Amino acid sequence: MRLLLFTGCRLREILHLRWEHVDFERGCLFLPDSKSGRKTVILNAPALAVLNTLEHVSAYVLPGNDLERPRHDLKRPWHAVTKRAALTGVRLHDLRHTYASFGAGIGLGLPILGGLLGHAQAATTARYAHLDNDPLRRASELIAGRMAAALGGSQPAKVQPLQEVNKRA
């Protein structure tokens, strides 16, 4: 599950991952066949750390009970995690959305996020990269503060809570 979270990969991309597709030297996964065709996944330090903890007991990174086949799914472990965390309605695929949302929240553009996720269309990435209000609020304050400074002097405008504004109206 951590590998899914740290890479933004699809479930089948990780479940069917073979050790031969992992390049530790270059820090990449070279997937020969994903939903969008051939795909290179950039591995970050947390993802590499997860891979380094796994034993090489099969050709598959996550083998099933039969070492000649990949693990079939993660339903039971995911159910245990969501139950323990008291999460309802959260799908395993939401880890991919979370990866994209964190990227969008720190200001990465849709082309970069799309490249990391393997999307051909920016519209697809836009559906994944949900923004919460906090990064949007910070961006709005930054823009308006700079505009206010340009219009009326060197000090950015003081932000007043909405309740105080309504009392004056």
N, C-alpha and C. Protein backbone atom coordinates (compact mmCIF):
# COMPACT_ATOMS: atom_id res chain seq x y z
N MET A 1 0.83 -1.19 0.00
CA MET A 1 0.00 0.00 0.00
C MET A 1 0.87 1.26 0.00
N ARG A 2 1.99 1.21 0.74
CA ARG A 2 2.90 2.36 0.74
C ARG A 2 3.49 2.59 -0.65
N LEU A 3 3.77 1.52 -1.36
CA LEU A 3 4.31 1.66 -2.71
C LEU A 3 3.28 2.33 -3.62
N LEU A 4 2.02 1.99 -3.46
CA LEU A 4 0.96 2.66 -4.22
C LEU A 4 0.90 4.14 -3.87
N LEU A 5 0.97 4.44 -2.61
CA LEU A 5 0.89 5.83 -2.15
C LEU A 5 2.08 6.65 -2.61
N PHE A 6 3.29 6.10 -2.52
CA PHE A 6 4.49 6.85 -2.85
C PHE A 6 4.77 6.98 -4.34
N THR A 7 4.12 6.15 -5.16
CA THR A 7 4.37 6.21 -6.61
C THR A 7 3.19 6.75 -7.40
N GLY A 8 1.99 6.67 -6.85
CA GLY A 8 0.80 7.05 -7.61
C GLY A 8 0.44 6.02 -8.65
N CYS A 9 1.02 4.83 -8.58
CA CYS A 9 0.74 3.78 -9.56
C CYS A 9 -0.65 3.20 -9.37
N ARG A 10 -1.12 2.59 -10.43
CA ARG A 10 -2.37 1.83 -10.37
C ARG A 10 -2.11 0.51 -9.65
N LEU A 11 -3.15 -0.06 -9.08
CA LEU A 11 -3.02 -1.30 -8.32
C LEU A 11 -2.35 -2.40 -9.15
N ARG A 12 -2.84 -2.63 -10.35
CA ARG A 12 -2.30 -3.72 -11.18
C ARG A 12 -0.84 -3.46 -11.57
N GLU A 13 -0.46 -2.20 -11.70
CA GLU A 13 0.93 -1.89 -12.03
C GLU A 13 1.87 -2.37 -10.92
N ILE A 14 1.42 -2.28 -9.68
CA ILE A 14 2.24 -2.73 -8.56
C ILE A 14 2.08 -4.23 -8.34
N LEU A 15 0.87 -4.74 -8.42
CA LEU A 15 0.67 -6.17 -8.20
C LEU A 15 1.39 -7.02 -9.25
N HIS A 16 1.46 -6.55 -10.47
CA HIS A 16 2.10 -7.31 -11.56
C HIS A 16 3.57 -6.93 -11.75
N LEU A 17 4.09 -6.09 -10.89
CA LEU A 17 5.47 -5.62 -11.01
C LEU A 17 6.46 -6.76 -10.81
N ARG A 18 7.39 -6.87 -11.75
CA ARG A 18 8.45 -7.87 -11.68
C ARG A 18 9.75 -7.17 -11.29
N TRP A 19 10.60 -7.92 -10.61
CA TRP A 19 11.89 -7.35 -10.21
C TRP A 19 12.69 -6.87 -11.40
N GLU A 20 12.54 -7.51 -12.54
CA GLU A 20 13.29 -7.12 -13.73
C GLU A 20 12.88 -5.72 -14.23
N HIS A 21 11.73 -5.22 -13.78
CA HIS A 21 11.26 -3.88 -14.17
C HIS A 21 11.72 -2.79 -13.21
N VAL A 22 12.38 -3.20 -12.12
CA VAL A 22 12.85 -2.26 -11.11
C VAL A 22 14.32 -1.96 -11.37
N ASP A 23 14.64 -0.68 -11.59
CA ASP A 23 16.02 -0.26 -11.80
C ASP A 23 16.43 0.61 -10.62
N PHE A 24 17.08 -0.01 -9.64
CA PHE A 24 17.50 0.70 -8.44
C PHE A 24 18.55 1.77 -8.77
N GLU A 25 19.43 1.47 -9.72
CA GLU A 25 20.49 2.42 -10.07
C GLU A 25 19.95 3.74 -10.60
N ARG A 26 19.00 3.66 -11.49
CA ARG A 26 18.40 4.87 -12.08
C ARG A 26 17.19 5.36 -11.30
N GLY A 27 16.71 4.57 -10.33
CA GLY A 27 15.57 4.96 -9.53
C GLY A 27 14.28 5.01 -10.33
N CYS A 28 14.03 3.97 -11.11
CA CYS A 28 12.84 3.94 -11.97
C CYS A 28 12.22 2.55 -12.02
N LEU A 29 10.93 2.55 -12.31
CA LEU A 29 10.24 1.33 -12.71
C LEU A 29 10.03 1.46 -14.21
N PHE A 30 10.35 0.43 -14.96
CA PHE A 30 10.11 0.43 -16.39
C PHE A 30 9.01 -0.59 -16.67
N LEU A 31 7.77 -0.10 -16.73
CA LEU A 31 6.61 -0.97 -16.90
C LEU A 31 6.37 -1.18 -18.39
N PRO A 32 6.44 -2.43 -18.86
CA PRO A 32 6.27 -2.67 -20.29
C PRO A 32 4.83 -2.52 -20.77
N ASP A 33 3.87 -2.70 -19.85
CA ASP A 33 2.47 -2.65 -20.27
C ASP A 33 1.59 -2.19 -19.12
N SER A 34 1.20 -0.93 -19.14
CA SER A 34 0.25 -0.42 -18.16
C SER A 34 -1.01 -0.04 -18.90
N LYS A 35 -1.97 0.53 -18.22
CA LYS A 35 -3.23 0.92 -18.85
C LYS A 35 -2.99 1.87 -20.02
N SER A 36 -1.97 2.71 -19.89
CA SER A 36 -1.67 3.70 -20.93
C SER A 36 -0.49 3.26 -21.81
N GLY A 37 -0.13 1.98 -21.77
CA GLY A 37 0.99 1.48 -22.57
C GLY A 37 2.27 1.43 -21.76
N ARG A 38 3.41 1.53 -22.46
CA ARG A 38 4.70 1.56 -21.77
C ARG A 38 4.76 2.75 -20.84
N LYS A 39 5.35 2.55 -19.67
CA LYS A 39 5.37 3.63 -18.69
C LYS A 39 6.64 3.56 -17.85
N THR A 40 7.23 4.72 -17.62
CA THR A 40 8.35 4.82 -16.70
C THR A 40 7.86 5.53 -15.45
N VAL A 41 8.12 4.94 -14.30
CA VAL A 41 7.73 5.51 -13.02
C VAL A 41 8.99 5.95 -12.30
N ILE A 42 9.05 7.22 -11.94
CA ILE A 42 10.18 7.73 -11.18
C ILE A 42 10.02 7.30 -9.73
N LEU A 43 11.05 6.67 -9.20
CA LEU A 43 11.00 6.22 -7.81
C LEU A 43 11.65 7.26 -6.90
N ASN A 44 10.94 7.67 -5.89
CA ASN A 44 11.45 8.61 -4.90
C ASN A 44 12.07 7.81 -3.75
N ALA A 45 12.69 8.51 -2.81
CA ALA A 45 13.38 7.84 -1.70
C ALA A 45 12.44 6.95 -0.87
N PRO A 46 11.22 7.41 -0.51
CA PRO A 46 10.34 6.52 0.26
C PRO A 46 9.94 5.26 -0.51
N ALA A 47 9.70 5.38 -1.82
CA ALA A 47 9.35 4.21 -2.62
C ALA A 47 10.53 3.24 -2.71
N LEU A 48 11.73 3.78 -2.90
CA LEU A 48 12.92 2.93 -2.93
C LEU A 48 13.14 2.23 -1.60
N ALA A 49 12.85 2.92 -0.51
CA ALA A 49 13.00 2.32 0.82
C ALA A 49 12.04 1.14 0.98
N VAL A 50 10.81 1.29 0.49
CA VAL A 50 9.86 0.18 0.56
C VAL A 50 10.37 -1.00 -0.26
N LEU A 51 10.82 -0.74 -1.48
CA LEU A 51 11.32 -1.82 -2.34
C LEU A 51 12.53 -2.51 -1.73
N ASN A 52 13.37 -1.74 -1.06
CA ASN A 52 14.57 -2.32 -0.45
C ASN A 52 14.25 -3.24 0.73
N THR A 53 13.06 -3.12 1.31
CA THR A 53 12.69 -3.98 2.43
C THR A 53 12.09 -5.31 1.97
N LEU A 54 11.74 -5.41 0.70
CA LEU A 54 11.08 -6.61 0.19
C LEU A 54 12.09 -7.68 -0.22
N GLU A 55 11.78 -8.91 0.12
CA GLU A 55 12.64 -10.03 -0.25
C GLU A 55 12.44 -10.42 -1.71
N HIS A 56 13.49 -10.89 -2.32
CA HIS A 56 13.44 -11.36 -3.70
C HIS A 56 13.19 -12.88 -3.68
N VAL A 57 11.95 -13.27 -3.46
CA VAL A 57 11.61 -14.70 -3.38
C VAL A 57 10.91 -15.19 -4.64
N SER A 58 10.65 -14.28 -5.56
CA SER A 58 9.90 -14.61 -6.76
C SER A 58 10.30 -13.63 -7.85
N ALA A 59 9.88 -13.89 -9.06
CA ALA A 59 10.08 -12.92 -10.14
C ALA A 59 9.23 -11.68 -9.91
N TYR A 60 8.15 -11.86 -9.13
CA TYR A 60 7.24 -10.76 -8.82
C TYR A 60 7.67 -10.06 -7.53
N VAL A 61 7.52 -8.75 -7.52
CA VAL A 61 7.83 -7.98 -6.32
C VAL A 61 6.88 -8.36 -5.20
N LEU A 62 5.60 -8.54 -5.53
CA LEU A 62 4.58 -8.96 -4.56
C LEU A 62 3.97 -10.28 -5.03
N PRO A 63 4.64 -11.39 -4.74
CA PRO A 63 4.11 -12.67 -5.20
C PRO A 63 2.87 -13.10 -4.44
N GLY A 64 2.10 -13.95 -5.08
CA GLY A 64 0.93 -14.52 -4.44
C GLY A 64 1.34 -15.75 -3.64
N ASN A 65 0.37 -16.53 -3.21
CA ASN A 65 0.66 -17.77 -2.48
C ASN A 65 1.50 -18.70 -3.34
N ASP A 66 1.19 -18.74 -4.63
CA ASP A 66 2.00 -19.47 -5.61
C ASP A 66 3.05 -18.47 -6.09
N LEU A 67 4.32 -18.73 -5.79
CA LEU A 67 5.39 -17.77 -6.10
C LEU A 67 5.56 -17.52 -7.59
N GLU A 68 4.95 -18.36 -8.42
CA GLU A 68 5.04 -18.17 -9.87
C GLU A 68 4.00 -17.18 -10.39
N ARG A 69 3.13 -16.71 -9.50
CA ARG A 69 2.07 -15.78 -9.91
C ARG A 69 2.10 -14.55 -9.01
N PRO A 70 1.62 -13.40 -9.52
CA PRO A 70 1.57 -12.20 -8.66
C PRO A 70 0.43 -12.29 -7.66
N ARG A 71 0.52 -11.47 -6.64
CA ARG A 71 -0.57 -11.37 -5.67
C ARG A 71 -1.82 -10.92 -6.43
N HIS A 72 -2.96 -11.47 -6.08
CA HIS A 72 -4.21 -11.22 -6.82
C HIS A 72 -4.81 -9.86 -6.49
N ASP A 73 -4.86 -9.51 -5.20
CA ASP A 73 -5.45 -8.22 -4.81
C ASP A 73 -4.97 -7.83 -3.42
N LEU A 74 -5.44 -6.69 -2.94
CA LEU A 74 -5.11 -6.21 -1.60
C LEU A 74 -6.38 -5.93 -0.80
N LYS A 75 -7.47 -6.62 -1.13
CA LYS A 75 -8.75 -6.34 -0.48
C LYS A 75 -8.71 -6.55 1.03
N ARG A 76 -8.19 -7.68 1.47
CA ARG A 76 -8.16 -7.94 2.91
C ARG A 76 -7.28 -6.94 3.67
N PRO A 77 -6.04 -6.71 3.22
CA PRO A 77 -5.23 -5.72 3.95
C PRO A 77 -5.85 -4.32 3.91
N TRP A 78 -6.43 -3.95 2.78
CA TRP A 78 -7.05 -2.62 2.66
C TRP A 78 -8.25 -2.51 3.61
N HIS A 79 -9.05 -3.56 3.68
CA HIS A 79 -10.19 -3.56 4.59
C HIS A 79 -9.71 -3.40 6.04
N ALA A 80 -8.63 -4.10 6.39
CA ALA A 80 -8.09 -4.00 7.76
C ALA A 80 -7.60 -2.59 8.06
N VAL A 81 -6.94 -1.96 7.08
CA VAL A 81 -6.43 -0.59 7.27
C VAL A 81 -7.58 0.39 7.43
N THR A 82 -8.55 0.32 6.54
CA THR A 82 -9.67 1.28 6.61
C THR A 82 -10.51 1.07 7.86
N LYS A 83 -10.65 -0.17 8.30
CA LYS A 83 -11.40 -0.44 9.53
C LYS A 83 -10.65 0.13 10.72
N ARG A 84 -9.37 -0.12 10.80
CA ARG A 84 -8.55 0.37 11.92
C ARG A 84 -8.54 1.90 11.97
N ALA A 85 -8.50 2.54 10.79
CA ALA A 85 -8.48 4.00 10.71
C ALA A 85 -9.87 4.61 10.76
N ALA A 86 -10.90 3.79 10.85
CA ALA A 86 -12.30 4.23 10.87
C ALA A 86 -12.64 5.06 9.63
N LEU A 87 -12.19 4.59 8.48
CA LEU A 87 -12.48 5.26 7.21
C LEU A 87 -13.57 4.49 6.48
N THR A 88 -14.56 5.19 6.00
CA THR A 88 -15.60 4.53 5.22
C THR A 88 -15.64 5.15 3.83
N GLY A 89 -15.90 4.32 2.85
CA GLY A 89 -16.02 4.80 1.48
C GLY A 89 -14.71 5.19 0.83
N VAL A 90 -13.58 4.79 1.41
CA VAL A 90 -12.28 5.11 0.83
C VAL A 90 -11.79 3.88 0.07
N ARG A 91 -11.52 4.09 -1.22
CA ARG A 91 -11.08 2.99 -2.07
C ARG A 91 -9.56 2.94 -2.12
N LEU A 92 -9.02 1.81 -2.44
CA LEU A 92 -7.58 1.67 -2.60
C LEU A 92 -7.08 2.59 -3.72
N HIS A 93 -7.87 2.77 -4.76
CA HIS A 93 -7.50 3.65 -5.87
C HIS A 93 -7.38 5.11 -5.41
N ASP A 94 -8.00 5.44 -4.28
CA ASP A 94 -7.90 6.81 -3.76
C ASP A 94 -6.47 7.16 -3.35
N LEU A 95 -5.61 6.17 -3.16
CA LEU A 95 -4.20 6.46 -2.88
C LEU A 95 -3.56 7.15 -4.09
N ARG A 96 -3.98 6.77 -5.27
CA ARG A 96 -3.49 7.42 -6.50
C ARG A 96 -3.96 8.87 -6.56
N HIS A 97 -5.21 9.09 -6.20
CA HIS A 97 -5.75 10.45 -6.16
C HIS A 97 -5.02 11.28 -5.10
N THR A 98 -4.71 10.66 -3.98
CA THR A 98 -4.01 11.35 -2.91
C THR A 98 -2.63 11.79 -3.38
N TYR A 99 -1.93 10.94 -4.09
CA TYR A 99 -0.61 11.27 -4.65
C TYR A 99 -0.73 12.53 -5.53
N ALA A 100 -1.71 12.53 -6.42
CA ALA A 100 -1.91 13.67 -7.32
C ALA A 100 -2.32 14.92 -6.55
N SER A 101 -3.18 14.76 -5.56
CA SER A 101 -3.63 15.91 -4.78
C SER A 101 -2.50 16.56 -3.99
N PHE A 102 -1.64 15.74 -3.41
CA PHE A 102 -0.48 16.29 -2.70
C PHE A 102 0.41 17.06 -3.66
N GLY A 103 0.61 16.52 -4.86
CA GLY A 103 1.42 17.22 -5.87
C GLY A 103 0.81 18.54 -6.27
N ALA A 104 -0.49 18.55 -6.49
CA ALA A 104 -1.18 19.80 -6.84
C ALA A 104 -1.12 20.78 -5.69
N GLY A 105 -1.22 20.29 -4.47
CA GLY A 105 -1.21 21.14 -3.29
C GLY A 105 0.11 21.85 -3.07
N ILE A 106 1.19 21.27 -3.56
CA ILE A 106 2.49 21.94 -3.42
C ILE A 106 2.86 22.72 -4.68
N GLY A 107 1.90 22.84 -5.59
CA GLY A 107 2.11 23.71 -6.74
C GLY A 107 2.63 23.06 -8.00
N LEU A 108 2.66 21.74 -8.06
CA LEU A 108 3.10 21.09 -9.29
C LEU A 108 2.01 21.23 -10.34
N GLY A 109 2.38 21.52 -11.55
CA GLY A 109 1.41 21.71 -12.62
C GLY A 109 0.87 20.40 -13.16
N LEU A 110 -0.24 20.52 -13.88
CA LEU A 110 -0.88 19.32 -14.44
C LEU A 110 0.02 18.56 -15.41
N PRO A 111 0.86 19.23 -16.23
CA PRO A 111 1.74 18.44 -17.11
C PRO A 111 2.73 17.56 -16.32
N ILE A 112 3.28 18.09 -15.24
CA ILE A 112 4.21 17.31 -14.42
C ILE A 112 3.47 16.17 -13.74
N LEU A 113 2.34 16.47 -13.11
CA LEU A 113 1.55 15.42 -12.45
C LEU A 113 1.10 14.37 -13.46
N GLY A 114 0.67 14.81 -14.63
CA GLY A 114 0.26 13.87 -15.67
C GLY A 114 1.40 12.96 -16.10
N GLY A 115 2.60 13.53 -16.19
CA GLY A 115 3.77 12.72 -16.52
C GLY A 115 4.06 11.68 -15.46
N LEU A 116 3.93 12.07 -14.20
CA LEU A 116 4.18 11.14 -13.11
C LEU A 116 3.13 10.03 -13.07
N LEU A 117 1.89 10.37 -13.38
CA LEU A 117 0.80 9.39 -13.33
C LEU A 117 0.66 8.58 -14.62
N GLY A 118 1.31 9.04 -15.69
CA GLY A 118 1.21 8.35 -16.97
C GLY A 118 -0.03 8.71 -17.75
N HIS A 119 -0.55 9.91 -17.54
CA HIS A 119 -1.73 10.37 -18.28
C HIS A 119 -1.33 11.03 -19.59
N ALA A 120 -2.09 10.77 -20.63
CA ALA A 120 -1.86 11.42 -21.92
C ALA A 120 -2.59 12.76 -21.99
N GLN A 121 -3.70 12.89 -21.26
CA GLN A 121 -4.53 14.08 -21.32
C GLN A 121 -4.50 14.84 -19.98
N ALA A 122 -4.33 16.16 -20.04
CA ALA A 122 -4.34 16.98 -18.83
C ALA A 122 -5.70 16.92 -18.13
N ALA A 123 -6.77 16.74 -18.89
CA ALA A 123 -8.11 16.67 -18.30
C ALA A 123 -8.23 15.47 -17.36
N THR A 124 -7.57 14.38 -17.70
CA THR A 124 -7.58 13.21 -16.83
C THR A 124 -6.87 13.53 -15.52
N THR A 125 -5.72 14.18 -15.62
CA THR A 125 -4.96 14.54 -14.43
C THR A 125 -5.75 15.51 -13.56
N ALA A 126 -6.46 16.43 -14.17
CA ALA A 126 -7.24 17.41 -13.42
C ALA A 126 -8.28 16.73 -12.53
N ARG A 127 -8.84 15.62 -12.99
CA ARG A 127 -9.81 14.88 -12.17
C ARG A 127 -9.15 14.24 -10.96
N TYR A 128 -7.88 13.91 -11.09
CA TYR A 128 -7.15 13.27 -10.00
C TYR A 128 -6.62 14.28 -8.99
N ALA A 129 -6.25 15.43 -9.45
CA ALA A 129 -5.53 16.40 -8.61
C ALA A 129 -6.49 17.31 -7.86
N HIS A 130 -7.24 16.75 -6.96
CA HIS A 130 -8.17 17.52 -6.15
C HIS A 130 -7.39 18.47 -5.25
N LEU A 131 -7.85 19.69 -5.18
CA LEU A 131 -7.20 20.65 -4.30
C LEU A 131 -8.09 20.91 -3.10
N ASP A 132 -7.50 20.90 -1.93
CA ASP A 132 -8.29 21.31 -0.79
C ASP A 132 -8.26 22.83 -0.70
N ASN A 133 -9.05 23.41 0.18
CA ASN A 133 -9.15 24.87 0.26
C ASN A 133 -7.90 25.54 0.78
N ASP A 134 -7.11 24.85 1.59
CA ASP A 134 -5.95 25.48 2.19
C ASP A 134 -4.95 25.99 1.16
N PRO A 135 -4.47 25.18 0.19
CA PRO A 135 -3.55 25.72 -0.81
C PRO A 135 -4.21 26.81 -1.67
N LEU A 136 -5.49 26.65 -1.94
CA LEU A 136 -6.19 27.66 -2.73
C LEU A 136 -6.28 28.97 -1.95
N ARG A 137 -6.56 28.88 -0.66
CA ARG A 137 -6.64 30.09 0.17
C ARG A 137 -5.28 30.80 0.22
N ARG A 138 -4.21 30.01 0.42
CA ARG A 138 -2.86 30.61 0.45
C ARG A 138 -2.54 31.30 -0.86
N ALA A 139 -2.88 30.66 -1.96
CA ALA A 139 -2.62 31.26 -3.27
C ALA A 139 -3.43 32.53 -3.46
N SER A 140 -4.70 32.49 -3.07
CA SER A 140 -5.55 33.67 -3.20
C SER A 140 -5.03 34.83 -2.36
N GLU A 141 -4.61 34.53 -1.12
CA GLU A 141 -4.07 35.58 -0.25
C GLU A 141 -2.78 36.16 -0.83
N LEU A 142 -1.95 35.32 -1.38
CA LEU A 142 -0.70 35.78 -1.97
C LEU A 142 -0.97 36.71 -3.16
N ILE A 143 -1.86 36.30 -4.03
CA ILE A 143 -2.18 37.12 -5.21
C ILE A 143 -2.79 38.46 -4.79
N ALA A 144 -3.82 38.41 -3.94
CA ALA A 144 -4.50 39.65 -3.53
C ALA A 144 -3.58 40.55 -2.72
N GLY A 145 -2.73 39.97 -1.88
CA GLY A 145 -1.79 40.77 -1.10
C GLY A 145 -0.82 41.53 -1.99
N ARG A 146 -0.34 40.88 -3.02
CA ARG A 146 0.58 41.54 -3.96
C ARG A 146 -0.14 42.63 -4.74
N MET A 147 -1.37 42.36 -5.14
CA MET A 147 -2.15 43.37 -5.87
C MET A 147 -2.42 44.58 -4.99
N ALA A 148 -2.82 44.33 -3.75
CA ALA A 148 -3.10 45.43 -2.82
C ALA A 148 -1.85 46.26 -2.58
N ALA A 149 -0.73 45.61 -2.46
CA ALA A 149 0.53 46.33 -2.27
C ALA A 149 0.84 47.19 -3.48
N ALA A 150 0.60 46.68 -4.68
CA ALA A 150 0.87 47.43 -5.90
C ALA A 150 -0.07 48.62 -6.05
N LEU A 151 -1.30 48.48 -5.60
CA LEU A 151 -2.28 49.56 -5.73
C LEU A 151 -2.10 50.68 -4.70
N GLY A 152 -1.78 50.29 -3.48
CA GLY A 152 -1.82 51.32 -2.45
C GLY A 152 -0.59 51.49 -1.61
N GLY A 153 0.49 50.96 -1.96
CA GLY A 153 1.68 51.13 -1.15
C GLY A 153 2.43 49.82 -1.01
N SER A 154 3.35 49.82 -0.08
CA SER A 154 4.23 48.67 0.04
C SER A 154 3.71 47.60 0.99
N GLN A 155 2.71 47.88 1.81
CA GLN A 155 2.21 46.90 2.77
C GLN A 155 1.03 46.13 2.17
N PRO A 156 1.08 44.81 2.28
CA PRO A 156 -0.09 44.04 1.83
C PRO A 156 -1.30 44.34 2.70
N ALA A 157 -2.46 44.17 2.13
CA ALA A 157 -3.70 44.44 2.86
C ALA A 157 -3.84 43.46 4.01
N LYS A 158 -4.40 43.94 5.12
CA LYS A 158 -4.67 43.08 6.27
C LYS A 158 -5.95 42.30 5.99
N VAL A 159 -5.86 41.00 6.15
CA VAL A 159 -7.02 40.15 5.92
C VAL A 159 -7.89 40.17 7.16
N GLN A 160 -9.20 40.46 6.96
CA GLN A 160 -10.13 40.50 8.07
C GLN A 160 -11.08 39.33 7.95
N PRO A 161 -11.37 38.68 9.06
CA PRO A 161 -12.35 37.58 9.01
C PRO A 161 -13.69 38.07 8.51
N LEU A 162 -14.43 37.21 7.85
CA LEU A 162 -15.72 37.58 7.26
C LEU A 162 -16.70 38.10 8.30
N GLN A 163 -16.69 37.59 9.51
CA GLN A 163 -17.63 38.05 10.53
C GLN A 163 -17.44 39.53 10.82
N GLU A 164 -16.19 39.99 10.90
CA GLU A 164 -15.92 41.40 11.17
C GLU A 164 -16.39 42.28 10.03
N VAL A 165 -16.23 41.82 8.80
CA VAL A 165 -16.68 42.58 7.64
C VAL A 165 -18.20 42.71 7.66
N ASN A 166 -18.89 41.62 7.98
CA ASN A 166 -20.36 41.63 7.99
C ASN A 166 -20.91 42.57 9.09
N LYS A 167 -20.21 42.73 10.20
CA LYS A 167 -20.68 43.60 11.27
C LYS A 167 -20.70 45.04 10.82
N ARG A 168 -19.77 45.42 9.96
CA ARG A 168 -19.70 46.80 9.48
C ARG A 168 -20.74 47.08 8.40
N ALA A 169 -21.17 46.09 7.71
CA ALA A 169 -22.08 46.30 6.57
C ALA A 169 -23.47 46.73 6.96
